[in-house]
Protein backbone atom coordinates (compact mmCIF):
# COMPACT_ATOMS: atom_id res chain seq x y z
CA MET A 1 70.48 79.28 14.39
CA LEU A 2 69.40 76.58 11.93
CA ALA A 3 72.52 74.56 12.66
CA ALA A 4 71.79 74.70 16.40
CA ILE A 5 68.16 73.65 15.90
CA ALA A 6 69.28 70.69 13.81
CA LYS A 7 71.24 69.36 16.82
CA GLN A 8 68.46 69.66 19.41
CA SER A 9 66.77 66.71 21.10
CA PRO A 10 63.04 66.05 20.55
CA GLY A 11 62.29 67.57 23.96
CA GLU A 12 64.35 70.66 23.18
CA ASN A 13 62.60 70.97 19.82
CA GLN A 14 59.20 70.86 21.50
CA ASP A 15 60.23 73.45 24.10
CA ASP A 16 61.63 75.69 21.36
CA SER A 17 58.48 75.29 19.24
CA ARG A 18 56.36 76.21 22.25
CA ARG A 19 58.47 79.36 22.83
CA ILE A 20 58.09 80.36 19.18
CA ALA A 21 54.33 79.81 19.31
CA LYS A 22 54.07 81.88 22.48
CA MET A 23 56.06 84.72 20.90
CA LEU A 24 53.99 84.68 17.68
CA ARG A 25 50.73 84.54 19.60
CA ARG A 26 51.84 87.54 21.69
CA ILE A 27 52.56 89.52 18.51
CA TRP A 28 49.17 88.53 17.06
CA SER A 29 47.30 89.43 20.25
CA PHE A 30 49.30 92.55 21.16
CA PRO A 31 46.79 95.02 22.64
CA ARG A 32 47.81 97.91 20.37
CA PRO A 33 47.64 97.93 16.55
CA LEU A 34 50.85 96.77 14.85
CA ILE A 35 52.03 98.03 11.46
CA ALA A 36 54.56 96.22 9.26
CA ALA A 37 56.29 98.20 6.49
CA VAL A 38 57.96 95.77 4.07
CA ASN A 39 60.42 97.15 1.54
CA GLY A 40 62.26 94.04 0.39
CA PRO A 41 62.17 90.29 0.83
CA ALA A 42 60.08 88.91 3.71
CA PHE A 43 60.66 85.17 3.66
CA ALA A 44 60.00 82.46 6.24
CA GLY A 45 60.03 84.08 9.71
CA GLY A 46 59.96 87.61 8.30
CA CYS A 47 56.89 86.75 6.27
CA GLY A 48 55.35 85.23 9.37
CA ILE A 49 55.81 88.43 11.37
CA ALA A 50 54.29 90.48 8.54
CA THR A 51 51.33 88.07 8.61
CA LEU A 52 50.77 88.71 12.33
CA CYS A 53 50.60 92.50 12.13
CA ASP A 54 47.25 94.28 11.95
CA PHE A 55 48.38 96.29 8.93
CA THR A 56 51.01 95.23 6.41
CA LEU A 57 52.18 97.94 4.05
CA ALA A 58 54.51 96.95 1.23
CA SER A 59 56.49 98.64 -1.51
CA PRO A 60 55.97 97.22 -5.01
CA GLU A 61 59.46 95.68 -4.74
CA ALA A 62 58.56 93.69 -1.60
CA LYS A 63 58.40 89.93 -1.91
CA PHE A 64 56.76 87.41 0.40
CA GLY A 65 57.22 83.68 0.83
CA TYR A 66 56.87 80.82 3.27
CA THR A 67 59.93 79.05 1.87
CA GLU A 68 60.47 76.50 4.67
CA VAL A 69 59.30 73.54 2.57
CA LYS A 70 62.35 74.07 0.35
CA ILE A 71 64.68 73.21 3.24
CA GLY A 72 62.76 70.28 4.71
CA PHE A 73 60.92 72.38 7.29
CA LEU A 74 57.41 73.78 7.53
CA PRO A 75 55.91 76.98 8.89
CA ALA A 76 53.53 74.99 11.10
CA ILE A 77 52.99 77.64 13.73
CA VAL A 78 52.51 80.62 11.43
CA SER A 79 50.21 78.51 9.21
CA VAL A 80 47.61 78.67 11.99
CA PHE A 81 47.46 82.46 11.60
CA LEU A 82 47.91 82.52 7.82
CA THR A 83 45.00 80.19 7.08
CA ARG A 84 42.65 82.35 9.14
CA GLN A 85 43.90 85.45 7.32
CA ILE A 86 43.89 84.41 3.67
CA GLY A 87 41.91 81.16 3.57
CA GLU A 88 42.80 77.53 3.18
CA LYS A 89 43.22 77.31 -0.60
CA ARG A 90 45.59 80.26 -0.80
CA SER A 91 47.48 79.05 2.26
CA ARG A 92 47.93 75.66 0.60
CA ASP A 93 49.35 77.40 -2.45
CA LEU A 94 51.94 79.34 -0.47
CA LEU A 95 52.82 76.70 2.14
CA LEU A 96 53.05 73.69 -0.19
CA THR A 97 54.95 75.37 -3.03
CA GLY A 98 57.17 77.71 -1.01
CA ARG A 99 56.90 80.12 -3.92
CA ILE A 100 57.75 83.79 -3.67
CA ILE A 101 54.99 86.30 -4.45
CA GLU A 102 55.19 89.97 -5.34
CA ALA A 103 53.51 92.69 -3.25
CA ALA A 104 50.58 93.04 -5.66
CA GLU A 105 49.73 89.34 -5.43
CA ALA A 106 50.20 89.43 -1.66
CA LYS A 107 47.65 92.26 -1.54
CA GLU A 108 45.25 90.28 -3.73
CA TYR A 109 45.64 87.34 -1.32
CA GLY A 110 44.92 89.52 1.72
CA LEU A 111 48.42 89.24 3.13
CA VAL A 112 49.19 92.91 2.42
CA THR A 113 46.87 95.77 3.37
CA GLU A 114 48.25 98.34 0.97
CA VAL A 115 50.99 98.64 -1.68
CA VAL A 116 52.79 101.99 -1.44
CA PRO A 117 55.68 103.38 -3.53
CA ALA A 118 58.98 102.67 -1.74
CA GLU A 119 59.77 106.35 -1.24
CA ARG A 120 56.40 106.82 0.55
CA LEU A 121 56.36 103.61 2.58
CA LEU A 122 57.54 104.97 5.93
CA ASP A 123 55.53 108.18 5.51
CA ARG A 124 52.41 106.08 4.86
CA ALA A 125 53.15 103.95 7.93
CA ARG A 126 53.43 107.14 10.00
CA GLU A 127 50.15 108.47 8.53
CA LEU A 128 48.42 105.23 9.45
CA ALA A 129 49.93 105.35 12.94
CA GLU A 130 48.68 108.95 13.34
CA THR A 131 45.19 107.84 12.30
CA LEU A 132 45.30 105.12 14.92
CA ILE A 133 46.72 107.44 17.58
CA ALA A 134 43.85 109.89 16.93
CA ALA A 135 41.31 107.18 17.79
CA SER A 136 40.18 106.41 21.30
CA PRO A 137 42.89 104.32 23.02
CA SER A 138 40.32 102.30 24.96
CA SER A 139 38.27 101.68 21.81
CA LEU A 140 41.34 100.42 19.94
CA THR A 141 42.33 98.16 22.84
CA ARG A 142 38.81 96.81 23.19
CA ALA A 143 38.49 96.26 19.43
CA LYS A 144 41.76 94.29 19.41
CA ARG A 145 40.61 92.30 22.46
CA LEU A 146 37.29 91.50 20.75
CA LEU A 147 39.00 90.36 17.55
CA VAL A 148 41.49 88.22 19.47
CA SER A 149 38.98 86.70 21.88
CA SER A 150 36.60 85.62 19.11
CA ALA A 151 39.37 83.57 17.48
CA ALA A 152 41.46 82.57 20.53
CA ALA A 153 39.93 79.21 21.53
CA GLY A 154 40.14 77.64 18.08
CA LEU A 155 43.49 79.26 17.41
CA ASP A 156 45.02 77.93 20.64
CA ALA A 157 43.90 74.37 19.89
CA ASP A 158 45.37 74.63 16.38
CA LEU A 159 48.59 76.11 17.79
CA GLU A 160 49.04 73.11 20.07
CA ARG A 161 48.89 70.76 17.06
CA ALA A 162 51.26 73.04 15.13
CA ILE A 163 53.77 73.07 18.02
CA LEU A 164 53.94 69.27 17.98
CA GLU A 165 54.29 69.14 14.19
CA ASN A 166 56.96 71.84 14.24
CA ALA A 167 58.96 69.84 16.78
CA ARG A 168 58.50 66.53 14.89
CA ILE A 169 59.70 67.85 11.53
CA ARG A 170 62.96 68.97 13.13
CA CYS A 171 63.84 65.33 13.84
CA THR A 172 63.45 64.16 10.23
CA PRO A 173 66.25 63.34 7.80
CA ASP A 174 64.76 65.87 5.38
CA PHE A 175 65.17 68.65 7.92
CA GLN A 176 68.76 67.62 8.60
CA GLU A 177 69.50 67.52 4.86
CA GLY A 178 67.62 70.76 4.20
CA VAL A 179 69.58 72.64 6.85
CA ALA A 180 72.89 71.19 5.68
CA SER A 181 72.18 72.03 2.02
CA PHE A 182 71.05 75.56 2.94
CA LEU A 183 74.18 76.22 5.00
CA GLU A 184 76.43 74.63 2.33
CA LYS A 185 74.61 76.57 -0.44
CA ARG A 186 73.80 73.47 -2.46
CA LYS A 187 70.70 71.73 -3.73
CA PRO A 188 69.20 69.29 -1.18
CA VAL A 189 69.21 65.56 -1.84
CA TRP A 190 66.02 64.25 -0.25
CA GLN A 191 66.16 60.67 1.03
CA SER A 192 62.75 60.19 2.64
CA LYS A 193 59.59 58.94 1.01
CA PRO A 194 56.22 60.63 1.54
CA GLU A 195 54.54 59.50 4.76
């Protein structure tokens, strides 16, 4: 998929970025509660999906990271959601360094709701789902709608800026080099200077 993205035109990149933003926004605003159960590495897009869920359970062995900066890319679209969830300073830490964090630190940051032993992870997710199922369906739907609607206007404006930035970065030499080095399993050789 990365190789195909690297060959797209600017217009195709913008259309693709818009599709990704629409998909992520739909996950974030899904009318029913969503539970992620992470029992391993959740990097880049996987970390983004875990960010969008209402509840993120993780085993102690789970790891999280927005690693795109290491391949000349950036998680522009998911950053809109992440910053609202864990704050600007912590988002800067994760997005600018691309570092991997353990489940305990992810919980401390507010990215993970609960750390659960691996052998109990799916059982805990089911218990949480049963708790949610026992609640009033209309109350849950209305609560989700309230949470989404209070953030939607600002979020949508920020998403539009993120879509454009996501499309622009795909046309840079750093992105081309980052994708090539990732696919060739070698260290990237950056040519560009900071803008």
